[in-house]
């Protein structure tokens, strides 16, 4: 398990995350966002305890993305399968998530909702994953957003499977950080 906290003048976020069965306790004060985070963790097979409070919705969502992304980056095995793709239908929505958990950030969307678009980008940056998210169909913003979180969760679950093999021609996907 990893624990990540982030406290600024605007927000206070605490995340406890581990590989598991998708058990969640999420409280950000934003009901739909709580639902999306719980959905993501459930589909990714991650046990998640998350508590966040802040001054503005944007700040809470951004700092949760930063904190949760950092926690996810810490639990990805060095010998993870790394690459995964899931396409998920939800009512009128059809969303594809193609993911590389190889330690390099890139995000390509977009989602219809700018807050959730920003959340995806910030999450990917701090999880150090590449995500190509394609909305193939969808009129209802709720359905599109939820399908995106489910597709992201399922693709991350597949990418995090520990294969015992490093999938890189360089021999590693890990970055060692030394403190001065």
N, C-alpha and C. Protein backbone atom coordinates (compact mmCIF):
# COMPACT_ATOMS: atom_id res chain seq x y z
N UNK A 1 0.84 -1.19 0.00
CA UNK A 1 0.00 0.00 0.00
C UNK A 1 0.88 1.24 0.00
N UNK A 2 0.38 2.27 -0.68
CA UNK A 2 1.08 3.55 -0.66
C UNK A 2 0.10 4.62 -0.17
N UNK A 3 0.64 5.59 0.54
CA UNK A 3 -0.15 6.72 1.02
C UNK A 3 0.49 7.99 0.47
N UNK A 4 -0.35 8.84 -0.12
CA UNK A 4 0.11 10.12 -0.66
C UNK A 4 -0.80 11.21 -0.13
N UNK A 5 -0.20 12.27 0.38
CA UNK A 5 -0.98 13.42 0.83
C UNK A 5 -0.52 14.66 0.09
N UNK A 6 -1.43 15.57 -0.06
CA UNK A 6 -1.12 16.86 -0.69
C UNK A 6 -1.92 17.91 0.06
N UNK A 7 -1.22 18.89 0.60
CA UNK A 7 -1.88 19.97 1.32
C UNK A 7 -1.35 21.29 0.80
N UNK A 8 -2.27 22.12 0.31
CA UNK A 8 -1.93 23.45 -0.19
C UNK A 8 -2.82 24.46 0.52
N UNK A 9 -2.72 25.72 0.16
CA UNK A 9 -3.61 26.74 0.70
C UNK A 9 -5.04 26.51 0.21
N UNK A 10 -5.18 25.76 -0.90
CA UNK A 10 -6.48 25.57 -1.53
C UNK A 10 -7.13 24.22 -1.22
N UNK A 11 -6.31 23.19 -0.97
CA UNK A 11 -6.88 21.84 -0.81
C UNK A 11 -6.10 21.03 0.22
N UNK A 12 -6.77 19.96 0.63
CA UNK A 12 -6.13 18.93 1.46
C UNK A 12 -6.63 17.59 0.93
N UNK A 13 -5.68 16.74 0.47
CA UNK A 13 -6.02 15.46 -0.14
C UNK A 13 -5.19 14.36 0.51
N UNK A 14 -5.84 13.24 0.81
CA UNK A 14 -5.13 12.06 1.31
C UNK A 14 -5.62 10.85 0.53
N UNK A 15 -4.65 10.08 -0.01
CA UNK A 15 -4.95 8.88 -0.79
C UNK A 15 -4.19 7.70 -0.19
N UNK A 16 -4.91 6.61 0.05
CA UNK A 16 -4.31 5.32 0.40
C UNK A 16 -4.70 4.37 -0.72
N UNK A 17 -3.71 3.73 -1.35
CA UNK A 17 -3.97 2.93 -2.55
C UNK A 17 -3.16 1.64 -2.51
N UNK A 18 -3.80 0.55 -2.92
CA UNK A 18 -3.09 -0.71 -3.06
C UNK A 18 -3.78 -1.56 -4.12
N UNK A 19 -3.02 -2.50 -4.68
CA UNK A 19 -3.61 -3.49 -5.58
C UNK A 19 -4.61 -4.28 -4.74
N UNK A 20 -5.75 -4.60 -5.31
CA UNK A 20 -6.74 -5.30 -4.51
C UNK A 20 -7.92 -5.76 -5.33
N UNK A 21 -9.11 -5.51 -4.79
CA UNK A 21 -10.35 -5.97 -5.42
C UNK A 21 -11.26 -4.83 -5.83
N UNK A 22 -10.82 -3.60 -5.63
CA UNK A 22 -11.65 -2.47 -6.01
C UNK A 22 -12.52 -1.93 -4.90
N UNK A 23 -12.14 -2.19 -3.65
CA UNK A 23 -12.87 -1.64 -2.51
C UNK A 23 -12.57 -0.15 -2.40
N UNK A 24 -13.59 0.66 -2.16
CA UNK A 24 -13.36 2.11 -2.12
C UNK A 24 -14.08 2.77 -0.95
N UNK A 25 -13.44 3.82 -0.47
CA UNK A 25 -14.04 4.80 0.45
C UNK A 25 -13.59 6.15 -0.10
N UNK A 26 -14.46 6.84 -0.79
CA UNK A 26 -14.11 8.09 -1.46
C UNK A 26 -15.02 9.20 -0.98
N UNK A 27 -14.42 10.31 -0.56
CA UNK A 27 -15.20 11.47 -0.13
C UNK A 27 -14.46 12.75 -0.51
N UNK A 28 -14.93 13.38 -1.57
CA UNK A 28 -14.38 14.67 -1.99
C UNK A 28 -15.36 15.81 -1.77
N UNK A 29 -16.59 15.46 -1.36
CA UNK A 29 -17.63 16.47 -1.24
C UNK A 29 -18.32 16.75 -2.57
N UNK A 30 -17.88 16.07 -3.63
CA UNK A 30 -18.45 16.23 -4.98
C UNK A 30 -19.01 14.88 -5.40
N UNK A 31 -20.31 14.70 -5.32
CA UNK A 31 -20.94 13.37 -5.46
C UNK A 31 -20.63 12.68 -6.78
N UNK A 32 -20.77 13.37 -7.90
CA UNK A 32 -20.50 12.72 -9.18
C UNK A 32 -19.02 12.37 -9.30
N UNK A 33 -18.15 13.25 -8.85
CA UNK A 33 -16.71 12.99 -8.87
C UNK A 33 -16.37 11.78 -7.99
N UNK A 34 -16.99 11.70 -6.81
CA UNK A 34 -16.81 10.52 -5.94
C UNK A 34 -17.19 9.25 -6.69
N UNK A 35 -18.30 9.31 -7.41
CA UNK A 35 -18.78 8.17 -8.18
C UNK A 35 -17.76 7.79 -9.27
N UNK A 36 -17.18 8.78 -9.95
CA UNK A 36 -16.20 8.50 -11.00
C UNK A 36 -14.93 7.89 -10.42
N UNK A 37 -14.47 8.40 -9.29
CA UNK A 37 -13.26 7.87 -8.66
C UNK A 37 -13.48 6.45 -8.15
N UNK A 38 -14.64 6.19 -7.55
CA UNK A 38 -14.96 4.84 -7.08
C UNK A 38 -15.07 3.89 -8.26
N UNK A 39 -15.68 4.35 -9.34
CA UNK A 39 -15.81 3.54 -10.55
C UNK A 39 -14.44 3.20 -11.12
N UNK A 40 -13.59 4.20 -11.24
CA UNK A 40 -12.23 4.00 -11.74
C UNK A 40 -11.50 2.94 -10.91
N UNK A 41 -11.49 3.10 -9.58
CA UNK A 41 -10.77 2.18 -8.70
C UNK A 41 -11.35 0.77 -8.79
N UNK A 42 -12.65 0.66 -8.82
CA UNK A 42 -13.30 -0.65 -8.92
C UNK A 42 -12.88 -1.37 -10.20
N UNK A 43 -12.95 -0.66 -11.33
CA UNK A 43 -12.62 -1.28 -12.61
C UNK A 43 -11.12 -1.54 -12.74
N UNK A 44 -10.29 -0.74 -12.07
CA UNK A 44 -8.84 -0.95 -12.10
C UNK A 44 -8.39 -2.04 -11.13
N UNK A 45 -9.27 -2.47 -10.24
CA UNK A 45 -8.89 -3.47 -9.24
C UNK A 45 -8.00 -2.89 -8.17
N UNK A 46 -8.22 -1.64 -7.83
CA UNK A 46 -7.42 -0.96 -6.82
C UNK A 46 -8.27 -0.69 -5.59
N UNK A 47 -7.72 -0.97 -4.42
CA UNK A 47 -8.38 -0.58 -3.17
C UNK A 47 -7.98 0.86 -2.89
N UNK A 48 -8.98 1.71 -2.71
CA UNK A 48 -8.75 3.15 -2.61
C UNK A 48 -9.50 3.75 -1.43
N UNK A 49 -8.75 4.46 -0.60
CA UNK A 49 -9.34 5.34 0.41
C UNK A 49 -8.88 6.74 0.04
N UNK A 50 -9.82 7.64 -0.16
CA UNK A 50 -9.49 8.98 -0.60
C UNK A 50 -10.40 9.98 0.11
N UNK A 51 -9.78 10.98 0.69
CA UNK A 51 -10.53 12.08 1.31
C UNK A 51 -9.94 13.38 0.81
N UNK A 52 -10.80 14.28 0.37
CA UNK A 52 -10.32 15.57 -0.15
C UNK A 52 -11.31 16.68 0.19
N UNK A 53 -10.76 17.83 0.47
CA UNK A 53 -11.56 19.04 0.67
C UNK A 53 -10.78 20.21 0.08
N UNK A 54 -11.52 21.21 -0.37
CA UNK A 54 -10.86 22.37 -0.93
C UNK A 54 -11.82 23.51 -1.16
N UNK A 55 -11.27 24.60 -1.68
CA UNK A 55 -12.05 25.81 -1.85
C UNK A 55 -12.91 25.81 -3.12
N UNK A 56 -12.40 25.28 -4.21
CA UNK A 56 -13.12 25.28 -5.49
C UNK A 56 -13.13 23.88 -6.09
N UNK A 57 -14.17 23.58 -6.83
CA UNK A 57 -14.28 22.28 -7.50
C UNK A 57 -13.05 22.00 -8.35
N UNK A 58 -12.62 23.00 -9.13
CA UNK A 58 -11.45 22.82 -10.00
C UNK A 58 -10.22 22.43 -9.19
N UNK A 59 -9.98 23.11 -8.07
CA UNK A 59 -8.80 22.83 -7.25
C UNK A 59 -8.87 21.43 -6.63
N UNK A 60 -10.04 21.05 -6.15
CA UNK A 60 -10.19 19.71 -5.57
C UNK A 60 -9.91 18.66 -6.63
N UNK A 61 -10.54 18.80 -7.79
CA UNK A 61 -10.37 17.80 -8.85
C UNK A 61 -8.92 17.72 -9.32
N UNK A 62 -8.28 18.86 -9.50
CA UNK A 62 -6.89 18.87 -9.96
C UNK A 62 -5.96 18.24 -8.93
N UNK A 63 -6.13 18.58 -7.66
CA UNK A 63 -5.23 18.04 -6.64
C UNK A 63 -5.49 16.56 -6.36
N UNK A 64 -6.72 16.12 -6.54
CA UNK A 64 -7.00 14.68 -6.45
C UNK A 64 -6.31 13.96 -7.60
N UNK A 65 -6.36 14.53 -8.80
CA UNK A 65 -5.68 13.92 -9.96
C UNK A 65 -4.18 13.80 -9.70
N UNK A 66 -3.58 14.84 -9.17
CA UNK A 66 -2.15 14.84 -8.88
C UNK A 66 -1.82 13.77 -7.83
N UNK A 67 -2.59 13.73 -6.75
CA UNK A 67 -2.33 12.82 -5.64
C UNK A 67 -2.61 11.38 -6.03
N UNK A 68 -3.75 11.13 -6.66
CA UNK A 68 -4.09 9.77 -7.08
C UNK A 68 -3.14 9.29 -8.17
N UNK A 69 -2.78 10.16 -9.10
CA UNK A 69 -1.82 9.79 -10.14
C UNK A 69 -0.48 9.38 -9.55
N UNK A 70 -0.01 10.13 -8.58
CA UNK A 70 1.25 9.80 -7.91
C UNK A 70 1.16 8.44 -7.22
N UNK A 71 0.04 8.18 -6.56
CA UNK A 71 -0.15 6.90 -5.89
C UNK A 71 -0.18 5.75 -6.90
N UNK A 72 -0.88 5.94 -8.00
CA UNK A 72 -0.94 4.90 -9.03
C UNK A 72 0.46 4.61 -9.57
N UNK A 73 1.21 5.65 -9.84
CA UNK A 73 2.58 5.47 -10.36
C UNK A 73 3.40 4.61 -9.41
N UNK A 74 3.18 4.75 -8.13
CA UNK A 74 3.95 4.00 -7.13
C UNK A 74 3.57 2.52 -7.07
N UNK A 75 2.35 2.16 -7.46
CA UNK A 75 1.93 0.75 -7.34
C UNK A 75 2.06 -0.03 -8.64
N UNK A 76 2.43 0.62 -9.73
CA UNK A 76 2.62 -0.10 -10.99
C UNK A 76 3.89 -0.96 -10.87
N UNK A 77 3.77 -2.28 -11.05
CA UNK A 77 4.95 -3.13 -10.93
C UNK A 77 6.00 -2.83 -12.01
N UNK A 78 7.27 -2.98 -11.68
CA UNK A 78 8.35 -2.76 -12.65
C UNK A 78 8.25 -3.71 -13.83
N UNK A 79 7.64 -4.86 -13.61
CA UNK A 79 7.49 -5.85 -14.68
C UNK A 79 6.01 -5.97 -15.10
N UNK A 80 5.35 -4.83 -15.13
CA UNK A 80 3.94 -4.79 -15.54
C UNK A 80 3.80 -5.09 -17.03
N UNK A 81 2.63 -5.58 -17.41
CA UNK A 81 2.34 -5.83 -18.83
C UNK A 81 2.48 -4.55 -19.65
N UNK A 82 2.26 -3.42 -19.02
CA UNK A 82 2.51 -2.09 -19.54
C UNK A 82 1.48 -1.58 -20.53
N UNK A 83 1.17 -2.31 -21.58
CA UNK A 83 0.27 -1.84 -22.62
C UNK A 83 -1.11 -2.47 -22.48
N UNK A 84 -2.16 -1.67 -22.70
CA UNK A 84 -3.52 -2.21 -22.64
C UNK A 84 -4.47 -1.28 -23.39
N UNK A 85 -5.57 -1.88 -23.83
CA UNK A 85 -6.60 -1.11 -24.53
C UNK A 85 -7.94 -1.69 -24.16
N UNK A 86 -8.89 -0.83 -23.88
CA UNK A 86 -10.26 -1.24 -23.63
C UNK A 86 -11.20 -0.26 -24.30
N UNK A 87 -12.23 -0.79 -24.92
CA UNK A 87 -13.30 0.01 -25.48
C UNK A 87 -14.56 -0.36 -24.72
N UNK A 88 -15.24 0.64 -24.20
CA UNK A 88 -16.35 0.38 -23.31
C UNK A 88 -17.63 1.08 -23.79
N UNK A 89 -18.72 0.32 -23.94
CA UNK A 89 -20.01 0.93 -24.24
C UNK A 89 -20.78 1.24 -22.95
N UNK A 90 -21.46 2.36 -22.94
CA UNK A 90 -22.39 2.68 -21.84
C UNK A 90 -23.53 3.48 -22.43
N UNK A 91 -24.64 2.82 -22.61
CA UNK A 91 -25.81 3.43 -23.23
C UNK A 91 -25.42 4.05 -24.58
N UNK A 92 -25.55 5.37 -24.73
CA UNK A 92 -25.24 6.02 -26.01
C UNK A 92 -23.74 6.25 -26.21
N UNK A 93 -22.94 6.02 -25.18
CA UNK A 93 -21.51 6.33 -25.23
C UNK A 93 -20.68 5.10 -25.60
N UNK A 94 -19.63 5.36 -26.35
CA UNK A 94 -18.64 4.34 -26.68
C UNK A 94 -17.27 5.02 -26.60
N UNK A 95 -16.45 4.57 -25.64
CA UNK A 95 -15.18 5.24 -25.35
C UNK A 95 -14.05 4.21 -25.36
N UNK A 96 -12.95 4.56 -26.01
CA UNK A 96 -11.76 3.71 -26.09
C UNK A 96 -10.62 4.35 -25.30
N UNK A 97 -9.96 3.54 -24.48
CA UNK A 97 -8.78 3.98 -23.73
C UNK A 97 -7.61 3.08 -24.11
N UNK A 98 -6.57 3.66 -24.70
CA UNK A 98 -5.33 2.95 -25.03
C UNK A 98 -4.25 3.49 -24.10
N UNK A 99 -3.62 2.60 -23.34
CA UNK A 99 -2.75 3.03 -22.25
C UNK A 99 -1.39 2.37 -22.32
N UNK A 100 -0.35 3.14 -21.98
CA UNK A 100 1.01 2.64 -21.80
C UNK A 100 1.46 3.08 -20.41
N UNK A 101 1.66 2.13 -19.52
CA UNK A 101 2.10 2.42 -18.15
C UNK A 101 3.61 2.33 -18.04
N UNK A 102 4.31 2.79 -19.06
CA UNK A 102 5.75 2.67 -19.14
C UNK A 102 6.55 3.82 -18.58
N UNK A 103 5.92 4.73 -17.85
CA UNK A 103 6.68 5.77 -17.17
C UNK A 103 6.81 7.09 -17.90
N UNK A 104 6.12 7.24 -19.03
CA UNK A 104 6.19 8.51 -19.75
C UNK A 104 4.79 9.08 -19.92
N UNK A 105 4.67 10.37 -19.63
CA UNK A 105 3.38 11.04 -19.69
C UNK A 105 3.05 11.53 -21.10
N UNK A 106 1.83 11.24 -21.49
CA UNK A 106 1.20 11.86 -22.66
C UNK A 106 -0.29 11.63 -22.51
N UNK A 107 -1.07 12.63 -22.87
CA UNK A 107 -2.52 12.48 -22.86
C UNK A 107 -3.09 13.11 -24.12
N UNK A 108 -4.01 12.37 -24.72
CA UNK A 108 -4.76 12.90 -25.86
C UNK A 108 -6.21 12.55 -25.63
N UNK A 109 -7.07 13.55 -25.66
CA UNK A 109 -8.51 13.37 -25.46
C UNK A 109 -9.23 13.82 -26.71
N UNK A 110 -10.29 14.55 -26.58
CA UNK A 110 -10.80 15.18 -25.37
C UNK A 110 -12.09 14.55 -24.88
N UNK A 111 -12.41 14.86 -23.63
CA UNK A 111 -13.73 14.60 -23.09
C UNK A 111 -14.56 15.88 -23.27
N UNK A 112 -15.87 15.74 -23.23
CA UNK A 112 -16.75 16.90 -23.44
C UNK A 112 -16.70 17.89 -22.29
N UNK A 113 -16.46 17.39 -21.07
CA UNK A 113 -16.46 18.24 -19.90
C UNK A 113 -15.03 18.69 -19.60
N UNK A 114 -14.81 20.01 -19.57
CA UNK A 114 -13.45 20.54 -19.40
C UNK A 114 -12.81 20.17 -18.06
N UNK A 115 -13.59 20.04 -16.98
CA UNK A 115 -13.03 19.65 -15.69
C UNK A 115 -12.52 18.21 -15.72
N UNK A 116 -13.29 17.34 -16.35
CA UNK A 116 -12.85 15.95 -16.43
C UNK A 116 -11.75 15.77 -17.46
N UNK A 117 -11.73 16.59 -18.48
CA UNK A 117 -10.61 16.60 -19.44
C UNK A 117 -9.33 16.98 -18.71
N UNK A 118 -9.40 18.02 -17.89
CA UNK A 118 -8.25 18.48 -17.12
C UNK A 118 -7.83 17.41 -16.10
N UNK A 119 -8.82 16.74 -15.49
CA UNK A 119 -8.51 15.67 -14.53
C UNK A 119 -7.71 14.56 -15.21
N UNK A 120 -8.15 14.13 -16.38
CA UNK A 120 -7.45 13.05 -17.10
C UNK A 120 -6.00 13.44 -17.39
N UNK A 121 -5.80 14.66 -17.89
CA UNK A 121 -4.45 15.12 -18.22
C UNK A 121 -3.57 15.16 -16.97
N UNK A 122 -4.07 15.72 -15.89
CA UNK A 122 -3.29 15.83 -14.65
C UNK A 122 -3.02 14.46 -14.05
N UNK A 123 -4.00 13.57 -14.08
CA UNK A 123 -3.81 12.21 -13.58
C UNK A 123 -2.71 11.51 -14.37
N UNK A 124 -2.79 11.56 -15.69
CA UNK A 124 -1.79 10.88 -16.54
C UNK A 124 -0.39 11.44 -16.31
N UNK A 125 -0.30 12.75 -16.16
CA UNK A 125 1.01 13.37 -15.93
C UNK A 125 1.65 12.82 -14.66
N UNK A 126 0.89 12.68 -13.60
CA UNK A 126 1.46 12.26 -12.32
C UNK A 126 1.53 10.75 -12.15
N UNK A 127 0.71 10.03 -12.90
CA UNK A 127 0.83 8.56 -12.92
C UNK A 127 1.94 8.13 -13.87
N UNK A 128 2.41 9.07 -14.67
CA UNK A 128 3.44 8.82 -15.68
C UNK A 128 2.99 7.74 -16.66
N UNK A 129 1.78 7.93 -17.18
CA UNK A 129 1.23 7.02 -18.18
C UNK A 129 0.89 7.79 -19.44
N UNK A 130 0.87 7.08 -20.54
CA UNK A 130 0.38 7.61 -21.80
C UNK A 130 -1.04 7.10 -21.97
N UNK A 131 -1.96 8.01 -22.27
CA UNK A 131 -3.35 7.63 -22.47
C UNK A 131 -3.89 8.33 -23.71
N UNK A 132 -4.39 7.53 -24.64
CA UNK A 132 -5.15 8.04 -25.78
C UNK A 132 -6.59 7.67 -25.51
N UNK A 133 -7.42 8.67 -25.30
CA UNK A 133 -8.82 8.47 -24.97
C UNK A 133 -9.65 8.96 -26.15
N UNK A 134 -10.42 8.06 -26.74
CA UNK A 134 -11.24 8.42 -27.89
C UNK A 134 -12.71 8.22 -27.57
N UNK A 135 -13.47 9.28 -27.74
CA UNK A 135 -14.92 9.19 -27.61
C UNK A 135 -15.44 8.87 -29.00
N UNK A 136 -15.81 7.62 -29.19
CA UNK A 136 -16.27 7.16 -30.50
C UNK A 136 -17.72 7.55 -30.75
N UNK A 137 -18.53 7.56 -29.70
CA UNK A 137 -19.92 7.97 -29.76
C UNK A 137 -20.32 8.51 -28.40
N UNK A 138 -21.40 9.27 -28.39
CA UNK A 138 -21.96 9.69 -27.11
C UNK A 138 -22.54 11.09 -27.15
N UNK A 139 -23.78 11.19 -26.70
CA UNK A 139 -24.46 12.48 -26.61
C UNK A 139 -24.55 12.95 -25.17
N UNK A 140 -24.73 12.03 -24.25
CA UNK A 140 -24.92 12.36 -22.84
C UNK A 140 -23.55 12.47 -22.16
N UNK A 141 -23.25 13.66 -21.66
CA UNK A 141 -21.94 13.92 -21.03
C UNK A 141 -21.68 12.99 -19.85
N UNK A 142 -22.71 12.70 -19.07
CA UNK A 142 -22.58 11.78 -17.93
C UNK A 142 -22.13 10.40 -18.42
N UNK A 143 -22.77 9.89 -19.45
CA UNK A 143 -22.43 8.56 -19.97
C UNK A 143 -21.03 8.54 -20.56
N UNK A 144 -20.67 9.58 -21.30
CA UNK A 144 -19.34 9.65 -21.90
C UNK A 144 -18.26 9.67 -20.81
N UNK A 145 -18.46 10.51 -19.80
CA UNK A 145 -17.48 10.62 -18.72
C UNK A 145 -17.35 9.30 -17.96
N UNK A 146 -18.48 8.70 -17.62
CA UNK A 146 -18.43 7.44 -16.88
C UNK A 146 -17.80 6.32 -17.71
N UNK A 147 -18.13 6.26 -18.99
CA UNK A 147 -17.51 5.25 -19.86
C UNK A 147 -16.00 5.46 -19.93
N UNK A 148 -15.55 6.72 -19.93
CA UNK A 148 -14.12 7.03 -19.97
C UNK A 148 -13.42 6.53 -18.70
N UNK A 149 -14.01 6.76 -17.54
CA UNK A 149 -13.41 6.31 -16.28
C UNK A 149 -13.38 4.78 -16.21
N UNK A 150 -14.44 4.14 -16.70
CA UNK A 150 -14.46 2.67 -16.71
C UNK A 150 -13.41 2.11 -17.67
N UNK A 151 -13.32 2.68 -18.87
CA UNK A 151 -12.33 2.22 -19.85
C UNK A 151 -10.91 2.46 -19.34
N UNK A 152 -10.68 3.61 -18.71
CA UNK A 152 -9.37 3.89 -18.12
C UNK A 152 -9.06 2.86 -17.04
N UNK A 153 -10.01 2.59 -16.16
CA UNK A 153 -9.79 1.63 -15.09
C UNK A 153 -9.48 0.23 -15.60
N UNK A 154 -10.26 -0.23 -16.57
CA UNK A 154 -10.03 -1.57 -17.13
C UNK A 154 -8.69 -1.67 -17.85
N UNK A 155 -8.34 -0.64 -18.60
CA UNK A 155 -7.05 -0.69 -19.30
C UNK A 155 -5.89 -0.62 -18.31
N UNK A 156 -6.03 0.16 -17.25
CA UNK A 156 -4.99 0.22 -16.23
C UNK A 156 -4.86 -1.13 -15.52
N UNK A 157 -5.98 -1.77 -15.23
CA UNK A 157 -5.95 -3.10 -14.60
C UNK A 157 -5.13 -4.07 -15.47
N UNK A 158 -5.40 -4.07 -16.77
CA UNK A 158 -4.69 -4.96 -17.68
C UNK A 158 -3.20 -4.59 -17.78
N UNK A 159 -2.90 -3.29 -17.80
CA UNK A 159 -1.52 -2.83 -17.94
C UNK A 159 -0.68 -3.13 -16.70
N UNK A 160 -1.33 -3.22 -15.52
CA UNK A 160 -0.60 -3.42 -14.27
C UNK A 160 -0.36 -4.89 -13.93
N UNK A 161 -0.83 -5.80 -14.75
CA UNK A 161 -0.59 -7.22 -14.47
C UNK A 161 0.91 -7.47 -14.44
N UNK A 162 1.37 -8.07 -13.36
CA UNK A 162 2.81 -8.34 -13.20
C UNK A 162 3.16 -9.59 -14.02
N UNK A 163 3.94 -9.40 -15.07
CA UNK A 163 4.29 -10.49 -15.99
C UNK A 163 5.63 -11.14 -15.65
N UNK A 164 6.42 -10.48 -14.79
CA UNK A 164 7.75 -10.98 -14.49
C UNK A 164 8.77 -10.61 -15.56
N UNK A 165 8.33 -9.86 -16.57
CA UNK A 165 9.20 -9.45 -17.67
C UNK A 165 9.12 -7.95 -17.86
N UNK A 166 10.25 -7.31 -18.10
CA UNK A 166 10.26 -5.88 -18.39
C UNK A 166 9.97 -5.69 -19.87
N UNK A 167 8.91 -4.98 -20.18
CA UNK A 167 8.55 -4.72 -21.57
C UNK A 167 9.17 -3.41 -22.03
N UNK A 168 10.47 -3.47 -22.32
CA UNK A 168 11.20 -2.32 -22.84
C UNK A 168 12.48 -2.82 -23.48
N UNK A 169 12.81 -2.31 -24.64
CA UNK A 169 14.06 -2.66 -25.29
C UNK A 169 15.25 -2.05 -24.54
N UNK A 170 14.97 -1.09 -23.66
CA UNK A 170 16.02 -0.45 -22.86
C UNK A 170 16.38 -1.27 -21.63
N UNK A 171 15.55 -2.26 -21.31
CA UNK A 171 15.82 -3.11 -20.16
C UNK A 171 15.17 -2.66 -18.87
N UNK A 172 14.61 -1.45 -18.87
CA UNK A 172 13.93 -0.94 -17.68
C UNK A 172 12.93 0.13 -18.08
N UNK A 173 11.91 0.27 -17.27
CA UNK A 173 10.98 1.40 -17.42
C UNK A 173 11.01 2.24 -16.16
N UNK A 174 11.83 1.84 -15.18
CA UNK A 174 11.91 2.52 -13.90
C UNK A 174 12.87 3.71 -13.99
N UNK A 175 12.54 4.73 -13.23
CA UNK A 175 13.39 5.90 -13.11
C UNK A 175 13.86 5.98 -11.67
N UNK A 176 15.16 5.95 -11.48
CA UNK A 176 15.68 6.06 -10.12
C UNK A 176 15.88 7.53 -9.79
N UNK A 177 15.43 7.91 -8.60
CA UNK A 177 15.55 9.27 -8.14
C UNK A 177 16.42 9.27 -6.90
N UNK A 178 17.46 10.06 -6.91
CA UNK A 178 18.29 10.19 -5.70
C UNK A 178 18.13 11.59 -5.19
N UNK A 179 18.08 11.70 -3.88
CA UNK A 179 17.92 13.01 -3.26
C UNK A 179 19.28 13.57 -2.92
N UNK A 180 19.44 14.86 -3.15
CA UNK A 180 20.72 15.53 -2.86
C UNK A 180 20.78 15.99 -1.42
